[in-house]
């Protein structure tokens, strides 16, 4: 299938791209940074999803909105408005099968930087709007809301034993998800799932049971 994924230069986005490529899908990655994925089925386009020129491509079957920033002053522009811009350009056409949004546990409990939490909460609301509008194509629209994920973005707390101990006390299962695990969820929701739509899946090791934000 033809897949568009935003934010593929690292972390969750890269893991999702590699998951799809491992099954032979054609992947176009959109990111402001360069990428070193070397695969005949991968095309990398450097662009800003909020303000840059989005590449022209026809007939996307899956659109995965993963690009995001945190506590930058641009969180709503990139995470929400950029996501909307990409979706409106690529998703609403007859070949579409699924749209996925990578939201956040903070969209549920508000326990993070204010603008970031608001941007992810808005993303879930927009996901439901997309589900209503995309149903005429027989397509699904869903979101994943990870809690903590083991990526370089979170090295500040992962590598701090004191903060890490406090964070582990915030989850029912004392661990964080890997980017590869989130990629497994993304593949299931977009490729295998055909009946669930307008839903958000919380993947947080029980973090929602508590709401303290430690940074």
Protein backbone atom coordinates (compact mmCIF):
# COMPACT_ATOMS: atom_id res chain seq x y z
CA UNK A 1 0.00 0.00 0.00
CA UNK A 2 0.97 3.63 -0.45
CA UNK A 3 1.66 5.20 2.95
CA UNK A 4 2.42 8.79 4.02
CA UNK A 5 4.03 9.23 7.43
CA UNK A 6 5.03 12.55 9.00
CA UNK A 7 7.95 12.94 11.38
CA UNK A 8 10.04 10.00 10.20
CA UNK A 9 13.50 11.27 11.13
CA UNK A 10 13.52 9.47 14.46
CA UNK A 11 11.60 7.96 17.34
CA UNK A 12 8.07 6.72 16.77
CA UNK A 13 7.84 8.01 13.20
CA UNK A 14 10.96 6.19 12.08
CA UNK A 15 9.84 2.99 13.81
CA UNK A 16 6.48 3.16 12.03
CA UNK A 17 8.16 3.76 8.67
CA UNK A 18 10.47 0.80 9.19
CA UNK A 19 7.54 -1.40 10.20
CA UNK A 20 5.65 -0.66 6.99
CA UNK A 21 8.77 -1.03 4.86
CA UNK A 22 9.44 -4.44 6.40
CA UNK A 23 6.15 -5.60 4.88
CA UNK A 24 6.95 -4.13 1.46
CA UNK A 25 4.69 -1.08 1.57
CA UNK A 26 5.61 2.12 -0.30
CA UNK A 27 6.36 4.85 2.25
CA UNK A 28 6.74 8.61 1.78
CA UNK A 29 8.16 10.35 4.84
CA UNK A 30 7.67 14.05 5.55
CA UNK A 31 10.02 15.70 8.03
CA UNK A 32 11.95 18.93 8.54
CA UNK A 33 15.12 16.85 9.03
CA UNK A 34 17.03 14.57 6.71
CA UNK A 35 16.66 10.80 6.99
CA UNK A 36 19.00 7.86 6.52
CA UNK A 37 16.48 5.10 5.79
CA UNK A 38 17.86 3.30 2.76
CA UNK A 39 15.06 1.29 1.20
CA UNK A 40 13.90 1.15 -2.41
CA UNK A 41 10.32 1.69 -1.23
CA UNK A 42 11.08 4.79 0.83
CA UNK A 43 10.94 8.42 -0.36
CA UNK A 44 11.94 11.19 2.03
CA UNK A 45 10.63 14.74 1.59
CA UNK A 46 12.04 17.55 3.69
CA UNK A 47 9.28 20.00 4.59
CA UNK A 48 7.56 21.78 7.46
CA UNK A 49 4.07 20.31 7.81
CA UNK A 50 2.73 23.62 9.12
CA UNK A 51 4.21 26.16 6.72
CA UNK A 52 6.22 24.33 4.05
CA UNK A 53 5.23 23.15 0.59
CA UNK A 54 3.79 19.66 0.88
CA UNK A 55 4.82 17.29 -1.92
CA UNK A 56 2.34 16.30 -4.57
CA UNK A 57 1.43 12.62 -4.45
CA UNK A 58 -1.70 10.84 -5.60
CA UNK A 59 -3.68 7.99 -4.15
CA UNK A 60 -2.39 7.68 -0.59
CA UNK A 61 -4.01 4.67 1.06
CA UNK A 62 -2.78 5.31 4.60
CA UNK A 63 -1.90 8.65 6.21
CA UNK A 64 -0.14 8.61 9.58
CA UNK A 65 0.25 11.93 11.39
CA UNK A 66 3.18 11.59 13.76
CA UNK A 67 5.19 14.82 13.38
CA UNK A 68 5.21 16.84 16.56
CA UNK A 69 7.12 19.20 18.83
CA UNK A 70 7.06 19.73 22.57
CA UNK A 71 7.18 22.97 24.57
CA UNK A 72 8.46 25.03 21.64
CA UNK A 73 5.87 27.78 21.32
CA UNK A 74 4.85 26.09 18.04
CA UNK A 75 3.09 23.07 19.51
CA UNK A 76 -0.37 23.99 18.28
CA UNK A 77 0.95 25.12 14.89
CA UNK A 78 2.90 21.91 14.23
CA UNK A 79 1.03 19.26 16.20
CA UNK A 80 -2.52 20.35 15.43
CA UNK A 81 -2.57 22.75 12.49
CA UNK A 82 0.19 20.89 10.64
CA UNK A 83 -1.61 17.61 11.18
CA UNK A 84 -4.84 19.10 9.84
CA UNK A 85 -3.02 20.51 6.82
CA UNK A 86 -1.49 17.14 5.90
CA UNK A 87 -4.74 15.26 6.42
CA UNK A 88 -6.83 17.68 4.38
CA UNK A 89 -4.35 17.43 1.50
CA UNK A 90 -3.89 13.66 1.29
CA UNK A 91 -6.73 11.81 3.01
CA UNK A 92 -9.97 12.83 1.37
CA UNK A 93 -9.91 10.83 -1.85
CA UNK A 94 -11.32 7.47 -2.99
CA UNK A 95 -8.18 5.35 -2.45
CA UNK A 96 -7.83 6.20 1.24
CA UNK A 97 -8.20 3.28 3.64
CA UNK A 98 -7.04 4.64 7.00
CA UNK A 99 -5.87 7.78 8.76
CA UNK A 100 -3.99 7.57 12.06
CA UNK A 101 -3.03 10.28 14.52
CA UNK A 102 -0.29 9.91 17.13
CA UNK A 103 -1.72 11.86 20.05
CA UNK A 104 -0.63 11.58 23.69
CA UNK A 105 -1.78 10.45 27.12
CA UNK A 106 -1.59 14.12 28.09
CA UNK A 107 -4.62 14.71 25.86
CA UNK A 108 -6.58 12.73 28.45
CA UNK A 109 -5.17 14.01 31.72
CA UNK A 110 -3.69 17.40 30.76
CA UNK A 111 -0.53 16.45 32.62
CA UNK A 112 2.20 18.06 30.56
CA UNK A 113 3.19 21.39 28.99
CA UNK A 114 -0.06 23.37 28.47
CA UNK A 115 0.22 24.05 24.74
CA UNK A 116 1.37 20.48 24.06
CA UNK A 117 -1.54 18.97 25.98
CA UNK A 118 -3.97 21.28 24.18
CA UNK A 119 -2.54 20.41 20.77
CA UNK A 120 -2.91 16.68 21.39
CA UNK A 121 -6.41 17.06 22.80
CA UNK A 122 -7.38 19.00 19.70
CA UNK A 123 -5.87 16.24 17.57
CA UNK A 124 -8.22 13.65 19.08
CA UNK A 125 -11.24 15.88 18.46
CA UNK A 126 -10.11 16.40 14.86
CA UNK A 127 -9.60 12.63 14.45
CA UNK A 128 -13.29 12.11 15.23
CA UNK A 129 -14.23 14.81 12.73
CA UNK A 130 -12.13 13.05 10.08
CA UNK A 131 -13.86 9.74 10.89
CA UNK A 132 -17.23 11.32 10.15
CA UNK A 133 -16.07 12.75 6.84
CA UNK A 134 -13.98 9.82 5.64
CA UNK A 135 -16.56 7.11 6.24
CA UNK A 136 -17.98 7.61 2.75
CA UNK A 137 -14.77 6.06 1.39
CA UNK A 138 -15.10 3.05 3.70
CA UNK A 139 -12.00 4.31 5.54
CA UNK A 140 -11.16 4.44 9.23
CA UNK A 141 -9.79 7.29 11.34
CA UNK A 142 -8.30 6.58 14.77
CA UNK A 143 -5.60 7.80 17.14
CA UNK A 144 -3.02 6.35 19.49
CA UNK A 145 -2.24 8.10 22.77
CA UNK A 146 1.12 6.88 24.09
CA UNK A 147 2.26 7.68 27.57
CA UNK A 148 6.01 7.67 28.04
CA UNK A 149 8.01 6.24 25.14
CA UNK A 150 11.71 5.36 25.11
CA UNK A 151 12.97 7.85 22.52
CA UNK A 152 15.78 10.42 22.42
CA UNK A 153 13.20 13.17 22.98
CA UNK A 154 12.87 11.89 26.54
CA UNK A 155 16.58 11.33 27.28
CA UNK A 156 16.49 14.17 29.81
CA UNK A 157 14.46 12.08 32.24
CA UNK A 158 15.40 8.58 31.07
CA UNK A 159 19.05 9.24 31.93
CA UNK A 160 18.32 10.90 35.28
CA UNK A 161 18.00 8.16 37.95
CA UNK A 162 16.12 10.38 40.40
CA UNK A 163 13.56 11.60 37.86
CA UNK A 164 13.26 8.15 36.29
CA UNK A 165 12.44 6.63 39.68
CA UNK A 166 9.68 9.18 40.21
CA UNK A 167 8.30 8.53 36.72
CA UNK A 168 8.19 4.77 37.24
CA UNK A 169 6.13 5.41 40.37
CA UNK A 170 3.53 7.09 38.15
CA UNK A 171 2.69 3.95 36.17
CA UNK A 172 0.92 0.75 37.16
CA UNK A 173 3.41 -1.20 35.06
CA UNK A 174 6.88 0.20 35.91
CA UNK A 175 8.08 0.73 32.37
CA UNK A 176 7.64 2.80 29.23
CA UNK A 177 6.74 1.58 25.76
CA UNK A 178 9.32 1.34 22.99
CA UNK A 179 8.90 3.13 19.67
CA UNK A 180 8.72 -0.29 18.02
CA UNK A 181 5.74 -1.27 20.18
CA UNK A 182 3.88 1.88 19.14
CA UNK A 183 4.71 1.00 15.52
CA UNK A 184 3.07 -2.40 16.02
CA UNK A 185 -0.08 -0.68 17.21
CA UNK A 186 0.04 1.73 14.26
CA UNK A 187 0.30 -1.14 11.78
CA UNK A 188 -2.57 -3.04 13.38
CA UNK A 189 -4.91 -0.04 13.53
CA UNK A 190 -4.30 1.03 9.92
CA UNK A 191 -3.79 -2.25 8.05
CA UNK A 192 -5.45 -5.07 9.98
CA UNK A 193 -8.29 -3.16 11.58
CA UNK A 194 -11.24 -2.53 9.28
CA UNK A 195 -14.09 -1.98 11.75
CA UNK A 196 -12.87 0.34 14.51
CA UNK A 197 -13.11 4.04 13.71
CA UNK A 198 -13.37 7.35 15.62
CA UNK A 199 -11.52 5.80 18.57
CA UNK A 200 -8.46 6.71 20.61
CA UNK A 201 -6.28 3.96 22.09
CA UNK A 202 -4.39 4.78 25.28
CA UNK A 203 -1.01 3.01 25.55
CA UNK A 204 0.42 4.27 28.81
CA UNK A 205 1.29 1.38 31.17
CA UNK A 206 -1.42 2.63 33.52
CA UNK A 207 -0.17 6.24 33.64
CA UNK A 208 -3.72 7.55 33.32
CA UNK A 209 -4.35 6.32 36.85
CA UNK A 210 -2.10 9.15 38.06
CA UNK A 211 -1.59 12.64 36.66
CA UNK A 212 1.66 14.08 37.99
CA UNK A 213 3.98 15.49 35.33
CA UNK A 214 7.69 15.06 36.09
CA UNK A 215 10.33 16.67 33.93
